[in-house]
N, C-alpha and C. Protein backbone atom coordinates (compact mmCIF):
# COMPACT_ATOMS: atom_id res chain seq x y z
N MET A 1 -6.32 23.85 5.95
CA MET A 1 -6.03 22.45 5.71
C MET A 1 -5.78 22.23 4.22
N LYS A 2 -4.95 21.27 3.93
CA LYS A 2 -4.56 21.01 2.54
C LYS A 2 -5.70 20.41 1.73
N GLU A 3 -5.80 20.88 0.49
CA GLU A 3 -6.77 20.31 -0.45
C GLU A 3 -6.17 19.02 -1.02
N VAL A 4 -7.00 18.00 -1.16
CA VAL A 4 -6.54 16.72 -1.72
C VAL A 4 -7.30 16.46 -3.01
N ILE A 5 -6.55 16.29 -4.10
CA ILE A 5 -7.14 15.95 -5.39
C ILE A 5 -6.51 14.64 -5.84
N MET A 6 -7.36 13.70 -6.25
CA MET A 6 -6.90 12.41 -6.75
C MET A 6 -7.20 12.36 -8.24
N PHE A 7 -6.15 12.23 -9.05
CA PHE A 7 -6.29 12.09 -10.49
C PHE A 7 -6.40 10.61 -10.80
N THR A 8 -7.43 10.23 -11.55
CA THR A 8 -7.74 8.82 -11.79
C THR A 8 -8.02 8.56 -13.27
N ALA A 9 -8.25 7.29 -13.57
CA ALA A 9 -8.75 6.85 -14.88
C ALA A 9 -9.74 5.72 -14.60
N GLN A 10 -10.75 5.59 -15.45
CA GLN A 10 -11.85 4.65 -15.20
C GLN A 10 -11.42 3.20 -15.00
N ASN A 11 -10.50 2.71 -15.78
CA ASN A 11 -10.12 1.29 -15.72
C ASN A 11 -8.90 1.02 -14.85
N CYS A 12 -8.59 1.93 -13.95
CA CYS A 12 -7.39 1.82 -13.11
C CYS A 12 -7.73 1.11 -11.80
N SER A 13 -7.21 -0.11 -11.63
CA SER A 13 -7.51 -0.87 -10.40
C SER A 13 -6.83 -0.25 -9.18
N SER A 14 -5.64 0.31 -9.35
CA SER A 14 -4.97 0.98 -8.23
C SER A 14 -5.74 2.21 -7.79
N CYS A 15 -6.41 2.87 -8.73
CA CYS A 15 -7.23 4.05 -8.40
C CYS A 15 -8.38 3.64 -7.50
N LYS A 16 -8.99 2.50 -7.77
CA LYS A 16 -10.10 2.02 -6.94
C LYS A 16 -9.62 1.70 -5.53
N LYS A 17 -8.45 1.07 -5.42
CA LYS A 17 -7.88 0.77 -4.11
C LYS A 17 -7.56 2.06 -3.35
N ALA A 18 -7.00 3.03 -4.07
CA ALA A 18 -6.64 4.30 -3.45
C ALA A 18 -7.88 5.05 -2.96
N LYS A 19 -8.93 5.03 -3.76
CA LYS A 19 -10.18 5.69 -3.38
C LYS A 19 -10.75 5.06 -2.11
N ASN A 20 -10.76 3.74 -2.04
CA ASN A 20 -11.22 3.04 -0.84
C ASN A 20 -10.37 3.39 0.38
N PHE A 21 -9.07 3.48 0.16
CA PHE A 21 -8.13 3.86 1.23
C PHE A 21 -8.48 5.25 1.77
N LEU A 22 -8.73 6.21 0.88
CA LEU A 22 -9.07 7.56 1.31
C LEU A 22 -10.38 7.57 2.10
N PHE A 23 -11.38 6.82 1.63
CA PHE A 23 -12.65 6.73 2.36
C PHE A 23 -12.44 6.10 3.74
N GLN A 24 -11.70 4.99 3.79
CA GLN A 24 -11.47 4.29 5.06
C GLN A 24 -10.74 5.16 6.07
N ASN A 25 -9.86 6.03 5.58
CA ASN A 25 -9.09 6.91 6.46
C ASN A 25 -9.76 8.26 6.67
N LYS A 26 -10.99 8.38 6.19
CA LYS A 26 -11.80 9.58 6.40
C LYS A 26 -11.11 10.85 5.89
N ILE A 27 -10.57 10.74 4.68
CA ILE A 27 -9.88 11.86 4.06
C ILE A 27 -10.79 12.46 3.00
N GLN A 28 -11.03 13.76 3.11
CA GLN A 28 -11.86 14.45 2.13
C GLN A 28 -11.01 14.70 0.88
N PHE A 29 -11.56 14.40 -0.30
CA PHE A 29 -10.81 14.58 -1.53
C PHE A 29 -11.74 14.85 -2.69
N GLU A 30 -11.15 15.40 -3.74
CA GLU A 30 -11.86 15.60 -5.00
C GLU A 30 -11.24 14.64 -6.01
N GLN A 31 -12.05 14.00 -6.80
CA GLN A 31 -11.57 13.04 -7.80
C GLN A 31 -11.70 13.65 -9.19
N LYS A 32 -10.63 13.53 -9.99
CA LYS A 32 -10.66 14.03 -11.36
C LYS A 32 -10.21 12.91 -12.30
N ASP A 33 -11.08 12.51 -13.20
CA ASP A 33 -10.78 11.46 -14.19
C ASP A 33 -10.10 12.11 -15.38
N ILE A 34 -8.86 11.73 -15.64
CA ILE A 34 -8.09 12.37 -16.71
C ILE A 34 -8.61 12.01 -18.10
N ASN A 35 -9.44 10.97 -18.21
CA ASN A 35 -10.02 10.62 -19.50
C ASN A 35 -11.25 11.47 -19.82
N VAL A 36 -11.80 12.12 -18.81
CA VAL A 36 -13.00 12.94 -18.97
C VAL A 36 -12.68 14.43 -18.81
N ASP A 37 -11.77 14.74 -17.90
CA ASP A 37 -11.44 16.12 -17.55
C ASP A 37 -10.15 16.55 -18.25
N ALA A 38 -10.29 17.31 -19.33
CA ALA A 38 -9.13 17.74 -20.13
C ALA A 38 -8.18 18.62 -19.32
N GLU A 39 -8.72 19.45 -18.43
CA GLU A 39 -7.87 20.31 -17.60
C GLU A 39 -7.01 19.47 -16.66
N ALA A 40 -7.60 18.44 -16.08
CA ALA A 40 -6.85 17.56 -15.17
C ALA A 40 -5.73 16.85 -15.93
N ARG A 41 -6.06 16.35 -17.12
CA ARG A 41 -5.05 15.68 -17.94
C ARG A 41 -3.92 16.64 -18.29
N ALA A 42 -4.27 17.88 -18.66
CA ALA A 42 -3.27 18.88 -19.02
C ALA A 42 -2.38 19.24 -17.83
N GLU A 43 -2.97 19.29 -16.63
CA GLU A 43 -2.17 19.59 -15.44
C GLU A 43 -1.09 18.53 -15.22
N LEU A 44 -1.45 17.26 -15.37
CA LEU A 44 -0.46 16.20 -15.20
C LEU A 44 0.59 16.25 -16.31
N GLU A 45 0.17 16.51 -17.54
CA GLU A 45 1.11 16.60 -18.66
C GLU A 45 2.10 17.73 -18.45
N ARG A 46 1.63 18.89 -17.97
CA ARG A 46 2.52 20.04 -17.71
C ARG A 46 3.59 19.68 -16.69
N ARG A 47 3.25 18.80 -15.77
CA ARG A 47 4.18 18.41 -14.71
C ARG A 47 4.96 17.14 -15.08
N ASN A 48 4.77 16.69 -16.31
CA ASN A 48 5.47 15.50 -16.82
C ASN A 48 5.11 14.25 -16.01
N ILE A 49 3.87 14.18 -15.54
CA ILE A 49 3.39 13.03 -14.77
C ILE A 49 2.57 12.16 -15.71
N ARG A 50 2.89 10.89 -15.79
CA ARG A 50 2.24 9.99 -16.75
C ARG A 50 1.32 8.95 -16.12
N GLY A 51 1.42 8.75 -14.81
CA GLY A 51 0.66 7.66 -14.20
C GLY A 51 -0.47 8.10 -13.30
N VAL A 52 -1.42 7.19 -13.11
CA VAL A 52 -2.49 7.37 -12.13
C VAL A 52 -2.55 6.12 -11.26
N PRO A 53 -2.97 6.20 -10.04
CA PRO A 53 -3.45 7.43 -9.44
C PRO A 53 -2.31 8.39 -9.12
N THR A 54 -2.61 9.66 -9.21
CA THR A 54 -1.71 10.71 -8.77
C THR A 54 -2.50 11.58 -7.80
N PHE A 55 -1.84 12.01 -6.75
CA PHE A 55 -2.48 12.82 -5.72
C PHE A 55 -1.80 14.18 -5.64
N ARG A 56 -2.60 15.23 -5.60
CA ARG A 56 -2.08 16.56 -5.27
C ARG A 56 -2.58 16.84 -3.87
N ILE A 57 -1.63 16.95 -2.95
CA ILE A 57 -1.95 17.19 -1.54
C ILE A 57 -1.31 18.52 -1.18
N GLY A 58 -2.13 19.56 -1.14
CA GLY A 58 -1.57 20.90 -1.00
C GLY A 58 -0.77 21.20 -2.25
N LYS A 59 0.51 21.45 -2.09
CA LYS A 59 1.39 21.73 -3.23
C LYS A 59 2.22 20.52 -3.65
N ASP A 60 2.09 19.43 -2.90
CA ASP A 60 2.88 18.22 -3.16
C ASP A 60 2.13 17.25 -4.06
N PHE A 61 2.89 16.48 -4.85
CA PHE A 61 2.32 15.45 -5.72
C PHE A 61 2.88 14.09 -5.34
N VAL A 62 2.00 13.09 -5.35
CA VAL A 62 2.40 11.70 -5.13
C VAL A 62 1.84 10.91 -6.31
N THR A 63 2.72 10.26 -7.07
CA THR A 63 2.27 9.44 -8.19
C THR A 63 2.35 7.98 -7.78
N GLY A 64 1.26 7.26 -8.00
CA GLY A 64 1.17 5.88 -7.57
C GLY A 64 0.50 5.80 -6.21
N PHE A 65 -0.01 4.64 -5.88
CA PHE A 65 -0.71 4.45 -4.61
C PHE A 65 0.31 4.10 -3.53
N ASN A 66 0.70 5.11 -2.74
CA ASN A 66 1.68 4.96 -1.68
C ASN A 66 1.04 5.44 -0.37
N PRO A 67 0.33 4.54 0.34
CA PRO A 67 -0.40 4.95 1.54
C PRO A 67 0.44 5.68 2.59
N THR A 68 1.66 5.23 2.83
CA THR A 68 2.52 5.85 3.83
C THR A 68 2.81 7.30 3.48
N LYS A 69 3.18 7.53 2.25
CA LYS A 69 3.51 8.89 1.80
C LYS A 69 2.26 9.79 1.82
N ILE A 70 1.13 9.23 1.42
CA ILE A 70 -0.12 9.99 1.42
C ILE A 70 -0.47 10.43 2.84
N LEU A 71 -0.44 9.50 3.79
CA LEU A 71 -0.81 9.83 5.17
C LEU A 71 0.14 10.85 5.79
N LYS A 72 1.42 10.82 5.41
CA LYS A 72 2.37 11.80 5.93
C LYS A 72 2.02 13.22 5.47
N LEU A 73 1.46 13.34 4.28
CA LEU A 73 1.14 14.66 3.73
C LEU A 73 -0.24 15.19 4.12
N ILE A 74 -1.15 14.30 4.47
CA ILE A 74 -2.52 14.69 4.80
C ILE A 74 -2.55 15.33 6.18
N ASP A 75 -3.28 16.44 6.30
CA ASP A 75 -3.35 17.15 7.58
C ASP A 75 -4.77 17.21 8.15
N HIS A 76 -5.67 16.35 7.68
CA HIS A 76 -7.05 16.37 8.17
C HIS A 76 -7.70 15.00 8.08
N ARG A 77 -8.83 14.89 8.74
CA ARG A 77 -9.72 13.74 8.62
C ARG A 77 -11.14 14.30 8.61
N VAL A 78 -12.08 13.50 8.18
CA VAL A 78 -13.49 13.90 8.19
C VAL A 78 -14.19 13.08 9.28
N ILE A 79 -14.87 13.78 10.16
CA ILE A 79 -15.65 13.11 11.21
C ILE A 79 -17.12 13.43 11.00
N GLU A 80 -17.95 12.74 11.73
CA GLU A 80 -19.40 12.94 11.60
C GLU A 80 -19.95 13.43 12.94
N CYS A 81 -20.77 14.47 12.89
CA CYS A 81 -21.45 14.95 14.09
C CYS A 81 -22.36 13.84 14.61
N LYS A 82 -22.23 13.52 15.89
CA LYS A 82 -23.03 12.44 16.47
C LYS A 82 -24.50 12.80 16.59
N LYS A 83 -24.81 14.09 16.53
CA LYS A 83 -26.19 14.53 16.69
C LYS A 83 -26.94 14.58 15.35
N CYS A 84 -26.30 15.14 14.30
CA CYS A 84 -27.03 15.33 13.03
C CYS A 84 -26.38 14.65 11.83
N SER A 85 -25.23 13.99 12.04
CA SER A 85 -24.50 13.25 10.99
C SER A 85 -23.85 14.13 9.93
N THR A 86 -23.75 15.43 10.18
CA THR A 86 -23.04 16.31 9.25
C THR A 86 -21.56 15.94 9.23
N LYS A 87 -20.97 15.90 8.06
CA LYS A 87 -19.54 15.60 7.93
C LYS A 87 -18.75 16.89 8.19
N ILE A 88 -17.72 16.78 9.04
CA ILE A 88 -16.92 17.93 9.45
C ILE A 88 -15.45 17.61 9.24
N ARG A 89 -14.73 18.50 8.58
CA ARG A 89 -13.30 18.33 8.34
C ARG A 89 -12.54 18.89 9.54
N VAL A 90 -11.66 18.06 10.14
CA VAL A 90 -10.91 18.49 11.32
C VAL A 90 -9.41 18.23 11.11
N PRO A 91 -8.56 19.04 11.77
CA PRO A 91 -7.11 18.84 11.63
C PRO A 91 -6.67 17.59 12.39
N VAL A 92 -5.50 17.06 12.02
CA VAL A 92 -4.93 15.92 12.75
C VAL A 92 -3.75 16.40 13.59
N ASN A 93 -3.43 15.60 14.61
CA ASN A 93 -2.28 15.83 15.48
C ASN A 93 -2.31 17.18 16.18
N LYS A 94 -3.50 17.59 16.63
CA LYS A 94 -3.64 18.85 17.38
C LYS A 94 -4.09 18.56 18.82
N GLY A 95 -4.04 17.29 19.24
CA GLY A 95 -4.47 16.93 20.58
C GLY A 95 -5.98 16.94 20.70
N HIS A 96 -6.47 17.22 21.91
CA HIS A 96 -7.91 17.29 22.15
C HIS A 96 -8.39 18.67 21.72
N ILE A 97 -9.42 18.71 20.87
CA ILE A 97 -9.98 19.99 20.43
C ILE A 97 -11.49 19.95 20.55
N GLU A 98 -12.07 21.13 20.70
CA GLU A 98 -13.52 21.24 20.76
C GLU A 98 -14.04 21.56 19.36
N ILE A 99 -15.07 20.84 18.97
CA ILE A 99 -15.68 21.00 17.65
C ILE A 99 -17.10 21.52 17.84
N LYS A 100 -17.50 22.43 16.98
CA LYS A 100 -18.89 22.90 16.97
C LYS A 100 -19.45 22.63 15.58
N CYS A 101 -20.48 21.82 15.52
CA CYS A 101 -21.08 21.45 14.24
C CYS A 101 -21.66 22.70 13.58
N PRO A 102 -21.31 22.94 12.32
CA PRO A 102 -21.82 24.13 11.63
C PRO A 102 -23.32 24.05 11.33
N LYS A 103 -23.87 22.85 11.36
CA LYS A 103 -25.29 22.69 11.02
C LYS A 103 -26.19 22.77 12.26
N CYS A 104 -25.90 21.94 13.25
CA CYS A 104 -26.80 21.87 14.42
C CYS A 104 -26.21 22.56 15.66
N VAL A 105 -25.00 23.09 15.56
CA VAL A 105 -24.24 23.77 16.62
C VAL A 105 -23.95 22.90 17.85
N HIS A 106 -24.10 21.59 17.71
CA HIS A 106 -23.72 20.65 18.77
C HIS A 106 -22.22 20.78 19.01
N GLU A 107 -21.81 20.87 20.29
CA GLU A 107 -20.40 20.98 20.63
C GLU A 107 -19.92 19.68 21.26
N PHE A 108 -18.72 19.25 20.86
CA PHE A 108 -18.15 18.02 21.41
C PHE A 108 -16.64 18.08 21.29
N ASN A 109 -15.96 17.26 22.08
CA ASN A 109 -14.50 17.20 22.07
C ASN A 109 -14.05 15.94 21.35
N ILE A 110 -12.92 16.05 20.64
CA ILE A 110 -12.33 14.88 20.00
C ILE A 110 -10.82 14.91 20.20
N ASP A 111 -10.22 13.75 20.12
CA ASP A 111 -8.76 13.61 20.15
C ASP A 111 -8.30 13.48 18.71
N THR A 112 -7.47 14.40 18.26
CA THR A 112 -7.05 14.41 16.85
C THR A 112 -5.72 13.71 16.62
N GLN A 113 -5.14 13.10 17.65
CA GLN A 113 -3.88 12.37 17.46
C GLN A 113 -4.13 11.13 16.62
N ILE A 114 -3.23 10.87 15.67
CA ILE A 114 -3.37 9.65 14.87
C ILE A 114 -2.16 8.77 15.07
């Protein structure tokens, strides 16, 4: 599944909206503040990207908060085991699949169509 990294800045209102959007859509992501993380800032500069939020989804980049484009590139969602509440990353658009919780080994089926 694709790794999702969101490049942000502390005073960015669009970054806050984007972060809420990712949480609401159960998308697992890593957040990097370009004002604190010099490597993250350098990565955007190397790619000639000047704005935040910027998303790296797998090998693709999306600059600006564009929910439609983000959802097209995302290939997973995070669900919660109903027995132990462990968060589990699952693929999307794979139909009905069986999941086994890595923590409590509870098995259950889910529909991954979105």
